[in-house]
Amino acid sequence: MSKILPSARVAYLGPEGTYSHAALEKYFGSQQPCLAVDDIPSVFNAVDSDQTDFGLVPVENSSEGSVTQTLDCFGASDAIICGEVMLRIQHCLLAQPGTLAENIKRVVSHQQSLGQCRYWLEEHYPGVEKVSALSNAEAAIQASRMQDTAAIAGKTAAEIYGLSILNENIEDVHDNTTRFAIISKNNAQAPSGRDKSSLIISTKNEPGALFNALEPFKNHAVNLIKLESRPSRKEAWSYSFFVDIEGHHEDANIRAAFEELSGHSLEFRVLGSYPVASP
C-alpha cells in the first residue's frame, strides 16, 4: 500500500473498469481521488501540467513486452517514477447477454490485450475481425452497444457495463502480469533497502557507444534487469536506452557508475528510484 496522501489525485488510462483502474486501486486503495483520461500521453500531460499529483501508466507486460508509448512519453516528460505495482492480468471474452459465439463478427480490445490472447483467438475465433481500442473498458462499452461485437476485458468491466462472460482466462500465458509505474513531478523516494532505479541513456551513432553506456555498470557491480532501445527522435538512427537496475541511486556503487557514465560524455537522466513491487 502506498504512503501517498489520500487527498492526492491520480490520473490513469480510463474509463472505469480498465486494468489501469484495477492497478490504481491495488496501489492506492479504492477511495483515492482519480482522473480517468483517454490515452497514455494524457496521463503524462496531467502530471506535467499539475492537473493531478500522480499518474499511473503501464510499462511492460510479461508476455507482450514493453509498452513503447509509455517509454516514448518518458523521453518527452519531466515526470519521475516514484513507485510500481504488478497486476496479474486475467482476460475474459465479454458480450451482450444472450449473445452466441457463432454470431460474433469482431473482437475489440486494447492492442496489448489482443496480443496477449493472440493464439486463443486464432483457435476459437479464426477469421473474426480483431479491432484495437484505446482501452479494455472502451472495448467493453463498444460491446455493450453492438450485438455482434465481443470485448476482451476483465470481470469488473463485465459488471460495470452489463456484459456476460463468454470465456474466462483466455490469455495465452497464464501467469500474465503487467507492471505499472507511478509517476509524479517531485515525489522522490528514500532508500527502502529493496529498490529499483530507472534511467534513460542517450548515445551517439558511433562504434562502441552501447559498450560505453553499459561498461560502468559492470565495473561497479550494478545489476541490469532491463535494457530497451527506442529512437531518440533527435536525429536519424540515434537511440535512447531505457535501463532498469537493482538498487537506489543513492547507493555508493550506483553513484560511482553514474560518475563513470558522465566521464564518457554520455547524456543520461535518472527517472527515479523506488521500492520493488510485490507480485
C-alpha atoms as a PDB file:
ATOM      1  CA  MET A   1       0.000   0.000   0.000  1.00  0.00           C
ATOM      2  CA  SER A   2       1.246   3.470  -0.886  1.00  0.00           C
ATOM      3  CA  LYS A   3       2.013   6.137   1.748  1.00  0.00           C
ATOM      4  CA  ILE A   4       0.823   8.878  -0.606  1.00  0.00           C
ATOM      5  CA  LEU A   5      -1.563  11.454   0.863  1.00  0.00           C
ATOM      6  CA  PRO A   6      -5.216  10.418   0.464  1.00  0.00           C
ATOM      7  CA  SER A   7      -6.099  13.852  -0.965  1.00  0.00           C
ATOM      8  CA  ALA A   8      -3.718  13.441  -3.927  1.00  0.00           C
ATOM      9  CA  ARG A   9      -5.303  12.966  -7.367  1.00  0.00           C
ATOM     10  CA  VAL A  10      -4.106  10.234  -9.697  1.00  0.00           C
ATOM     11  CA  ALA A  11      -4.508  10.182 -13.498  1.00  0.00           C
ATOM     12  CA  TYR A  12      -4.929   6.817 -15.201  1.00  0.00           C
ATOM     13  CA  LEU A  13      -5.930   5.279 -18.523  1.00  0.00           C
ATOM     14  CA  GLY A  14      -9.699   5.085 -18.233  1.00  0.00           C
ATOM     15  CA  PRO A  15     -12.581   4.753 -18.215  1.00  0.00           C
ATOM     16  CA  GLU A  16     -13.548   2.871 -15.063  1.00  0.00           C
ATOM     17  CA  GLY A  17     -13.052  -0.855 -15.443  1.00  0.00           C
ATOM     18  CA  THR A  18      -9.638  -0.866 -17.168  1.00  0.00           C
ATOM     19  CA  TYR A  19      -6.699  -2.840 -15.830  1.00  0.00           C
ATOM     20  CA  SER A  20      -5.062   0.516 -15.100  1.00  0.00           C
ATOM     21  CA  HIS A  21      -8.010   1.292 -12.828  1.00  0.00           C
ATOM     22  CA  ALA A  22      -7.552  -2.061 -11.070  1.00  0.00           C
ATOM     23  CA  ALA A  23      -3.819  -1.367 -10.629  1.00  0.00           C
ATOM     24  CA  LEU A  24      -4.604   2.081  -9.218  1.00  0.00           C
ATOM     25  CA  GLU A  25      -6.930   0.574  -6.612  1.00  0.00           C
ATOM     26  CA  LYS A  26      -4.354  -2.102  -5.726  1.00  0.00           C
ATOM     27  CA  TYR A  27      -1.653   0.519  -5.083  1.00  0.00           C
ATOM     28  CA  PHE A  28      -3.605   3.445  -3.655  1.00  0.00           C
ATOM     29  CA  GLY A  29      -6.841   1.894  -2.387  1.00  0.00           C
ATOM     30  CA  SER A  30     -10.372   2.229  -3.705  1.00  0.00           C
ATOM     31  CA  GLN A  31     -11.031   5.666  -2.133  1.00  0.00           C
ATOM     32  CA  GLN A  32      -8.173   7.543  -3.851  1.00  0.00           C
ATOM     33  CA  PRO A  33      -9.383  10.555  -5.890  1.00  0.00           C
ATOM     34  CA  CYS A  34      -8.590   9.861  -9.532  1.00  0.00           C
ATOM     35  CA  LEU A  35      -8.945  11.231 -13.052  1.00  0.00           C
ATOM     36  CA  ALA A  36      -9.682   8.935 -15.998  1.00  0.00           C
ATOM     37  CA  VAL A  37      -8.072  10.071 -19.272  1.00  0.00           C
ATOM     38  CA  ASP A  38      -8.245   8.745 -22.820  1.00  0.00           C
ATOM     39  CA  ASP A  39      -4.663   7.679 -23.506  1.00  0.00           C
ATOM     40  CA  ILE A  40      -1.187   7.298 -22.014  1.00  0.00           C
ATOM     41  CA  PRO A  41       0.168  10.697 -23.201  1.00  0.00           C
ATOM     42  CA  SER A  42      -2.767  12.329 -21.392  1.00  0.00           C
ATOM     43  CA  VAL A  43      -1.640  10.707 -18.124  1.00  0.00           C
ATOM     44  CA  PHE A  44       1.778  12.332 -18.524  1.00  0.00           C
ATOM     45  CA  ASN A  45       0.191  15.644 -19.521  1.00  0.00           C
ATOM     46  CA  ALA A  46      -1.980  15.614 -16.405  1.00  0.00           C
ATOM     47  CA  VAL A  47       1.110  15.235 -14.211  1.00  0.00           C
ATOM     48  CA  ASP A  48       3.310  17.664 -16.161  1.00  0.00           C
ATOM     49  CA  SER A  49       0.603  20.362 -16.063  1.00  0.00           C
ATOM     50  CA  ASP A  50      -0.113  19.854 -12.321  1.00  0.00           C
ATOM     51  CA  GLN A  51      -3.664  18.797 -13.128  1.00  0.00           C
ATOM     52  CA  THR A  52      -3.010  15.748 -10.939  1.00  0.00           C
ATOM     53  CA  ASP A  53      -0.381  14.915  -8.344  1.00  0.00           C
ATOM     54  CA  PHE A  54       0.363  11.451  -9.702  1.00  0.00           C
ATOM     55  CA  GLY A  55      -0.210   9.268 -12.715  1.00  0.00           C
ATOM     56  CA  LEU A  56      -0.294   5.533 -13.298  1.00  0.00           C
ATOM     57  CA  VAL A  57       0.929   4.092 -16.613  1.00  0.00           C
ATOM     58  CA  PRO A  58       1.564   0.548 -17.903  1.00  0.00           C
ATOM     59  CA  VAL A  59       5.266  -0.072 -18.519  1.00  0.00           C
ATOM     60  CA  GLU A  60       5.569  -3.685 -19.607  1.00  0.00           C
ATOM     61  CA  ASN A  61       3.735  -6.978 -19.810  1.00  0.00           C
ATOM     62  CA  SER A  62       5.331 -10.320 -19.027  1.00  0.00           C
ATOM     63  CA  SER A  63       4.240 -11.863 -22.340  1.00  0.00           C
ATOM     64  CA  GLU A  64       3.994  -8.897 -24.745  1.00  0.00           C
ATOM     65  CA  GLY A  65       6.970  -6.841 -23.555  1.00  0.00           C
ATOM     66  CA  SER A  66       7.303  -3.085 -23.130  1.00  0.00           C
ATOM     67  CA  VAL A  67       4.554  -0.548 -23.742  1.00  0.00           C
ATOM     68  CA  THR A  68       6.530   1.590 -26.183  1.00  0.00           C
ATOM     69  CA  GLN A  69       4.160   4.557 -25.972  1.00  0.00           C
ATOM     70  CA  THR A  70       4.932   4.826 -22.257  1.00  0.00           C
ATOM     71  CA  LEU A  71       8.693   4.683 -22.891  1.00  0.00           C
ATOM     72  CA  ASP A  72       8.423   7.415 -25.525  1.00  0.00           C
ATOM     73  CA  CYS A  73       6.431   9.612 -23.144  1.00  0.00           C
ATOM     74  CA  PHE A  74       9.166   9.337 -20.519  1.00  0.00           C
ATOM     75  CA  GLY A  75      11.573  10.735 -23.093  1.00  0.00           C
ATOM     76  CA  ALA A  76       9.450  13.858 -23.517  1.00  0.00           C
ATOM     77  CA  SER A  77       8.232  14.374 -19.930  1.00  0.00           C
ATOM     78  CA  ASP A  78       9.769  15.718 -16.730  1.00  0.00           C
ATOM     79  CA  ALA A  79       7.883  13.125 -14.667  1.00  0.00           C
ATOM     80  CA  ILE A  80       9.796  10.674 -12.477  1.00  0.00           C
ATOM     81  CA  ILE A  81       8.888   7.195 -11.295  1.00  0.00           C
ATOM     82  CA  CYS A  82       8.129   7.019  -7.577  1.00  0.00           C
ATOM     83  CA  GLY A  83       6.578   3.561  -7.353  1.00  0.00           C
ATOM     84  CA  GLU A  84       5.485   0.467  -9.216  1.00  0.00           C
ATOM     85  CA  VAL A  85       2.706  -2.099  -8.953  1.00  0.00           C
ATOM     86  CA  MET A  86       2.336  -5.559 -10.503  1.00  0.00           C
ATOM     87  CA  LEU A  87      -1.104  -6.735 -11.608  1.00  0.00           C
ATOM     88  CA  ARG A  88      -1.963 -10.293 -12.616  1.00  0.00           C
ATOM     89  CA  ILE A  89      -3.965  -9.990 -15.837  1.00  0.00           C
ATOM     90  CA  GLN A  90      -6.856 -12.413 -16.374  1.00  0.00           C
ATOM     91  CA  HIS A  91      -8.694 -11.716 -19.607  1.00  0.00           C
ATOM     92  CA  CYS A  92     -12.327 -12.571 -20.293  1.00  0.00           C
ATOM     93  CA  LEU A  93     -14.319 -12.522 -23.512  1.00  0.00           C
ATOM     94  CA  LEU A  94     -17.415 -10.384 -22.927  1.00  0.00           C
ATOM     95  CA  ALA A  95     -20.563  -9.786 -24.955  1.00  0.00           C
ATOM     96  CA  GLN A  96     -24.178  -8.705 -24.532  1.00  0.00           C
ATOM     97  CA  PRO A  97     -26.314 -11.190 -22.563  1.00  0.00           C
ATOM     98  CA  GLY A  98     -27.695 -13.903 -24.825  1.00  0.00           C
ATOM     99  CA  THR A  99     -25.005 -13.496 -27.493  1.00  0.00           C
ATOM    100  CA  LEU A 100     -23.959 -16.758 -29.163  1.00  0.00           C
ATOM    101  CA  ALA A 101     -20.325 -17.366 -30.095  1.00  0.00           C
ATOM    102  CA  GLU A 102     -21.222 -18.059 -33.726  1.00  0.00           C
ATOM    103  CA  ASN A 103     -22.815 -14.588 -34.050  1.00  0.00           C
ATOM    104  CA  ILE A 104     -19.676 -12.669 -33.108  1.00  0.00           C
ATOM    105  CA  LYS A 105     -18.191 -10.820 -36.086  1.00  0.00           C
ATOM    106  CA  ARG A 106     -15.491  -8.785 -34.332  1.00  0.00           C
ATOM    107  CA  VAL A 107     -13.441  -8.831 -31.149  1.00  0.00           C
ATOM    108  CA  VAL A 108     -12.397  -5.473 -29.697  1.00  0.00           C
ATOM    109  CA  SER A 109      -9.735  -4.720 -27.089  1.00  0.00           C
ATOM    110  CA  HIS A 110      -6.614  -2.730 -26.345  1.00  0.00           C
ATOM    111  CA  GLN A 111      -3.789  -3.725 -28.704  1.00  0.00           C
ATOM    112  CA  GLN A 112      -1.751  -5.206 -25.843  1.00  0.00           C
ATOM    113  CA  SER A 113      -4.660  -7.420 -24.778  1.00  0.00           C
ATOM    114  CA  LEU A 114      -5.274  -8.611 -28.325  1.00  0.00           C
ATOM    115  CA  GLY A 115      -1.620  -9.631 -28.445  1.00  0.00           C
ATOM    116  CA  GLN A 116      -1.820 -11.403 -25.083  1.00  0.00           C
ATOM    117  CA  CYS A 117      -4.748 -13.519 -26.374  1.00  0.00           C
ATOM    118  CA  ARG A 118      -3.496 -13.968 -29.940  1.00  0.00           C
ATOM    119  CA  TYR A 119      -3.299 -17.774 -30.035  1.00  0.00           C
ATOM    120  CA  TRP A 120      -6.534 -18.313 -28.133  1.00  0.00           C
ATOM    121  CA  LEU A 121      -8.341 -16.066 -30.611  1.00  0.00           C
ATOM    122  CA  GLU A 122      -6.794 -17.864 -33.569  1.00  0.00           C
ATOM    123  CA  GLU A 123      -8.018 -21.187 -32.193  1.00  0.00           C
ATOM    124  CA  HIS A 124     -11.534 -20.157 -31.139  1.00  0.00           C
ATOM    125  CA  TYR A 125     -12.367 -17.228 -33.455  1.00  0.00           C
ATOM    126  CA  PRO A 126     -10.387 -17.735 -36.687  1.00  0.00           C
ATOM    127  CA  GLY A 127     -11.263 -15.188 -39.337  1.00  0.00           C
ATOM    128  CA  VAL A 128     -13.127 -12.912 -36.919  1.00  0.00           C
ATOM    129  CA  GLU A 129     -12.068  -9.262 -37.223  1.00  0.00           C
ATOM    130  CA  LYS A 130      -9.783  -8.034 -34.419  1.00  0.00           C
ATOM    131  CA  VAL A 131     -10.180  -4.317 -33.660  1.00  0.00           C
ATOM    132  CA  SER A 132      -7.926  -2.189 -31.448  1.00  0.00           C
ATOM    133  CA  ALA A 133      -9.499   0.155 -28.869  1.00  0.00           C
ATOM    134  CA  LEU A 134      -7.987   2.840 -26.634  1.00  0.00           C
ATOM    135  CA  SER A 135      -8.613   0.672 -23.546  1.00  0.00           C
ATOM    136  CA  ASN A 136     -10.243  -2.562 -22.444  1.00  0.00           C
ATOM    137  CA  ALA A 137     -13.079  -0.603 -20.848  1.00  0.00           C
ATOM    138  CA  GLU A 138     -13.678   1.299 -24.092  1.00  0.00           C
ATOM    139  CA  ALA A 139     -13.881  -2.094 -25.816  1.00  0.00           C
ATOM    140  CA  ALA A 140     -16.463  -3.223 -23.245  1.00  0.00           C
ATOM    141  CA  ILE A 141     -18.509  -0.085 -23.936  1.00  0.00           C
ATOM    142  CA  GLN A 142     -18.474  -0.889 -27.655  1.00  0.00           C
ATOM    143  CA  ALA A 143     -19.578  -4.473 -26.978  1.00  0.00           C
ATOM    144  CA  SER A 144     -22.423  -3.201 -24.794  1.00  0.00           C
ATOM    145  CA  ARG A 145     -23.744  -1.235 -27.795  1.00  0.00           C
ATOM    146  CA  MET A 146     -23.248  -3.790 -30.609  1.00  0.00           C
ATOM    147  CA  GLN A 147     -24.742  -7.278 -30.593  1.00  0.00           C
ATOM    148  CA  ASP A 148     -22.175  -8.816 -32.939  1.00  0.00           C
ATOM    149  CA  THR A 149     -19.152  -7.498 -31.021  1.00  0.00           C
ATOM    150  CA  ALA A 150     -17.221  -9.118 -28.177  1.00  0.00           C
ATOM    151  CA  ALA A 151     -14.655  -7.414 -25.955  1.00  0.00           C
ATOM    152  CA  ILE A 152     -11.561  -8.666 -24.166  1.00  0.00           C
ATOM    153  CA  ALA A 153     -11.536  -7.153 -20.674  1.00  0.00           C
ATOM    154  CA  GLY A 154     -11.719  -8.106 -17.008  1.00  0.00           C
ATOM    155  CA  LYS A 155     -14.604  -9.287 -14.845  1.00  0.00           C
ATOM    156  CA  THR A 156     -15.018  -5.810 -13.384  1.00  0.00           C
ATOM    157  CA  ALA A 157     -15.727  -4.390 -16.838  1.00  0.00           C
ATOM    158  CA  ALA A 158     -18.425  -7.043 -17.322  1.00  0.00           C
ATOM    159  CA  GLU A 159     -20.110  -5.937 -14.101  1.00  0.00           C
ATOM    160  CA  ILE A 160     -19.857  -2.224 -14.867  1.00  0.00           C
ATOM    161  CA  TYR A 161     -21.111  -2.395 -18.467  1.00  0.00           C
ATOM    162  CA  GLY A 162     -23.727  -5.141 -18.104  1.00  0.00           C
ATOM    163  CA  LEU A 163     -21.994  -7.812 -20.185  1.00  0.00           C
ATOM    164  CA  SER A 164     -21.947 -11.586 -19.958  1.00  0.00           C
ATOM    165  CA  ILE A 165     -18.713 -13.551 -19.680  1.00  0.00           C
ATOM    166  CA  LEU A 166     -18.456 -15.986 -22.585  1.00  0.00           C
ATOM    167  CA  ASN A 167     -14.990 -17.293 -21.643  1.00  0.00           C
ATOM    168  CA  GLU A 168     -12.603 -16.722 -18.735  1.00  0.00           C
ATOM    169  CA  ASN A 169      -8.785 -16.786 -18.542  1.00  0.00           C
ATOM    170  CA  ILE A 170      -8.275 -16.585 -22.292  1.00  0.00           C
ATOM    171  CA  GLU A 171      -4.750 -15.141 -22.068  1.00  0.00           C
ATOM    172  CA  ASP A 172      -2.141 -17.293 -23.817  1.00  0.00           C
ATOM    173  CA  VAL A 173       0.253 -17.229 -20.836  1.00  0.00           C
ATOM    174  CA  HIS A 174      -1.468 -17.905 -17.549  1.00  0.00           C
ATOM    175  CA  ASP A 175       0.970 -16.062 -15.286  1.00  0.00           C
ATOM    176  CA  ASN A 176       0.366 -12.981 -17.455  1.00  0.00           C
ATOM    177  CA  THR A 177       1.349  -9.896 -15.426  1.00  0.00           C
ATOM    178  CA  THR A 178       1.585  -6.180 -16.213  1.00  0.00           C
ATOM    179  CA  ARG A 179       3.926  -3.799 -14.454  1.00  0.00           C
ATOM    180  CA  PHE A 180       2.638  -0.265 -13.898  1.00  0.00           C
ATOM    181  CA  ALA A 181       4.677   2.788 -12.881  1.00  0.00           C
ATOM    182  CA  ILE A 182       3.510   5.538 -10.530  1.00  0.00           C
ATOM    183  CA  ILE A 183       4.747   8.879 -11.867  1.00  0.00           C
ATOM    184  CA  SER A 184       4.942  12.358 -10.341  1.00  0.00           C
ATOM    185  CA  LYS A 185       6.947  15.558 -10.719  1.00  0.00           C
ATOM    186  CA  ASN A 186       8.725  15.676  -7.372  1.00  0.00           C
ATOM    187  CA  ASN A 187       7.852  12.711  -5.130  1.00  0.00           C
ATOM    188  CA  ALA A 188      11.353  11.201  -4.910  1.00  0.00           C
ATOM    189  CA  GLN A 189      11.607   8.113  -2.695  1.00  0.00           C
ATOM    190  CA  ALA A 190      14.224   7.497   0.005  1.00  0.00           C
ATOM    191  CA  PRO A 191      16.063   4.149   0.006  1.00  0.00           C
ATOM    192  CA  SER A 192      13.925   1.301   1.318  1.00  0.00           C
ATOM    193  CA  GLY A 193      16.540  -1.463   1.276  1.00  0.00           C
ATOM    194  CA  ARG A 194      14.955  -3.219  -1.700  1.00  0.00           C
ATOM    195  CA  ASP A 195      14.862  -0.748  -4.559  1.00  0.00           C
ATOM    196  CA  LYS A 196      14.956  -0.457  -8.311  1.00  0.00           C
ATOM    197  CA  SER A 197      16.132   2.518 -10.368  1.00  0.00           C
ATOM    198  CA  SER A 198      15.198   3.501 -13.915  1.00  0.00           C
ATOM    199  CA  LEU A 199      17.087   5.794 -16.262  1.00  0.00           C
ATOM    200  CA  ILE A 200      17.359   6.912 -19.878  1.00  0.00           C
ATOM    201  CA  ILE A 201      20.778   6.930 -21.565  1.00  0.00           C
ATOM    202  CA  SER A 202      21.234   8.719 -24.888  1.00  0.00           C
ATOM    203  CA  THR A 203      24.094   7.639 -27.148  1.00  0.00           C
ATOM    204  CA  LYS A 204      25.626   8.868 -30.368  1.00  0.00           C
ATOM    205  CA  ASN A 205      25.551   6.769 -33.533  1.00  0.00           C
ATOM    206  CA  GLU A 206      29.179   5.670 -33.335  1.00  0.00           C
ATOM    207  CA  PRO A 207      31.156   2.456 -32.702  1.00  0.00           C
ATOM    208  CA  GLY A 208      31.320   1.434 -29.046  1.00  0.00           C
ATOM    209  CA  ALA A 209      28.512   3.733 -27.911  1.00  0.00           C
ATOM    210  CA  LEU A 210      26.446   0.994 -26.295  1.00  0.00           C
ATOM    211  CA  PHE A 211      29.527  -0.618 -24.743  1.00  0.00           C
ATOM    212  CA  ASN A 212      30.472   2.728 -23.154  1.00  0.00           C
ATOM    213  CA  ALA A 213      26.933   3.048 -21.805  1.00  0.00           C
ATOM    214  CA  LEU A 214      26.929  -0.383 -20.169  1.00  0.00           C
ATOM    215  CA  GLU A 215      30.534  -0.847 -19.046  1.00  0.00           C
ATOM    216  CA  PRO A 216      30.234   1.420 -15.941  1.00  0.00           C
ATOM    217  CA  PHE A 217      27.531  -0.836 -14.515  1.00  0.00           C
ATOM    218  CA  LYS A 218      29.746  -3.905 -14.895  1.00  0.00           C
ATOM    219  CA  ASN A 219      32.728  -2.084 -13.402  1.00  0.00           C
ATOM    220  CA  HIS A 220      30.777  -1.210 -10.259  1.00  0.00           C
ATOM    221  CA  ALA A 221      28.790  -4.446  -9.864  1.00  0.00           C
ATOM    222  CA  VAL A 222      25.413  -2.909 -10.696  1.00  0.00           C
ATOM    223  CA  ASN A 223      22.911  -5.491 -11.884  1.00  0.00           C
ATOM    224  CA  LEU A 224      20.975  -4.533 -15.028  1.00  0.00           C
ATOM    225  CA  ILE A 225      17.497  -6.056 -15.072  1.00  0.00           C
ATOM    226  CA  LYS A 226      16.085  -4.372 -18.182  1.00  0.00           C
ATOM    227  CA  LEU A 227      17.528  -2.756 -21.305  1.00  0.00           C
ATOM    228  CA  GLU A 228      15.409  -1.467 -24.174  1.00  0.00           C
ATOM    229  CA  SER A 229      16.213   0.883 -27.052  1.00  0.00           C
ATOM    230  CA  ARG A 230      13.899   3.436 -28.629  1.00  0.00           C
ATOM    231  CA  PRO A 231      14.546   6.011 -31.373  1.00  0.00           C
ATOM    232  CA  SER A 232      15.664   9.226 -29.680  1.00  0.00           C
ATOM    233  CA  ARG A 233      13.707  11.384 -32.169  1.00  0.00           C
ATOM    234  CA  LYS A 234      16.580  13.883 -32.062  1.00  0.00           C
ATOM    235  CA  GLU A 235      18.257  12.728 -35.289  1.00  0.00           C
ATOM    236  CA  ALA A 236      18.035   9.752 -37.628  1.00  0.00           C
ATOM    237  CA  TRP A 237      19.443   6.480 -36.244  1.00  0.00           C
ATOM    238  CA  SER A 238      20.165   7.839 -32.782  1.00  0.00           C
ATOM    239  CA  TYR A 239      18.745   5.917 -29.827  1.00  0.00           C
ATOM    240  CA  SER A 240      17.826   6.260 -26.205  1.00  0.00           C
ATOM    241  CA  PHE A 241      18.227   3.255 -23.918  1.00  0.00           C
ATOM    242  CA  PHE A 242      15.782   2.647 -21.104  1.00  0.00           C
ATOM    243  CA  VAL A 243      17.536   0.841 -18.285  1.00  0.00           C
ATOM    244  CA  ASP A 244      16.320  -0.678 -15.012  1.00  0.00           C
ATOM    245  CA  ILE A 245      18.940  -1.547 -12.396  1.00  0.00           C
ATOM    246  CA  GLU A 246      18.863  -3.076  -8.945  1.00  0.00           C
ATOM    247  CA  GLY A 247      19.381  -0.595  -6.134  1.00  0.00           C
ATOM    248  CA  HIS A 248      18.793   3.063  -5.281  1.00  0.00           C
ATOM    249  CA  HIS A 249      20.560   5.963  -6.981  1.00  0.00           C
ATOM    250  CA  GLU A 250      21.985   6.950  -3.581  1.00  0.00           C
ATOM    251  CA  ASP A 251      23.815   3.603  -3.245  1.00  0.00           C
ATOM    252  CA  ALA A 252      27.596   4.040  -3.412  1.00  0.00           C
ATOM    253  CA  ASN A 253      28.184   1.657  -6.321  1.00  0.00           C
ATOM    254  CA  ILE A 254      25.409   3.232  -8.388  1.00  0.00           C
ATOM    255  CA  ARG A 255      26.735   6.742  -7.716  1.00  0.00           C
ATOM    256  CA  ALA A 256      30.156   5.548  -8.887  1.00  0.00           C
ATOM    257  CA  ALA A 257      28.638   4.049 -12.052  1.00  0.00           C
ATOM    258  CA  PHE A 258      26.874   7.317 -12.817  1.00  0.00           C
ATOM    259  CA  GLU A 259      30.104   9.258 -12.353  1.00  0.00           C
ATOM    260  CA  GLU A 260      31.817   6.972 -14.861  1.00  0.00           C
ATOM    261  CA  LEU A 261      28.909   7.406 -17.281  1.00  0.00           C
ATOM    262  CA  SER A 262      29.383  11.169 -17.057  1.00  0.00           C
ATOM    263  CA  GLY A 263      33.078  10.684 -17.801  1.00  0.00           C
ATOM    264  CA  HIS A 264      32.141   9.065 -21.117  1.00  0.00           C
ATOM    265  CA  SER A 265      30.247  12.275 -22.017  1.00  0.00           C
ATOM    266  CA  LEU A 266      27.003  10.307 -22.198  1.00  0.00           C
ATOM    267  CA  GLU A 267      23.686  12.018 -21.593  1.00  0.00           C
ATOM    268  CA  PHE A 268      21.519  10.253 -19.055  1.00  0.00           C
ATOM    269  CA  ARG A 269      18.575  11.060 -16.810  1.00  0.00           C
ATOM    270  CA  VAL A 270      17.530   9.129 -13.735  1.00  0.00           C
ATOM    271  CA  LEU A 271      13.791   8.516 -13.968  1.00  0.00           C
ATOM    272  CA  GLY A 272      13.583   7.573 -10.303  1.00  0.00           C
ATOM    273  CA  SER A 273      14.410   5.076  -7.583  1.00  0.00           C
ATOM    274  CA  TYR A 274      11.551   3.280  -5.867  1.00  0.00           C
ATOM    275  CA  PRO A 275      10.706   0.155  -3.842  1.00  0.00           C
ATOM    276  CA  VAL A 276      10.430  -3.088  -5.812  1.00  0.00           C
ATOM    277  CA  ALA A 277       6.785  -4.122  -6.142  1.00  0.00           C
ATOM    278  CA  SER A 278       5.450  -7.317  -4.627  1.00  0.00           C
ATOM    279  CA  PRO A 279       3.861  -9.774  -7.087  1.00  0.00           C
END
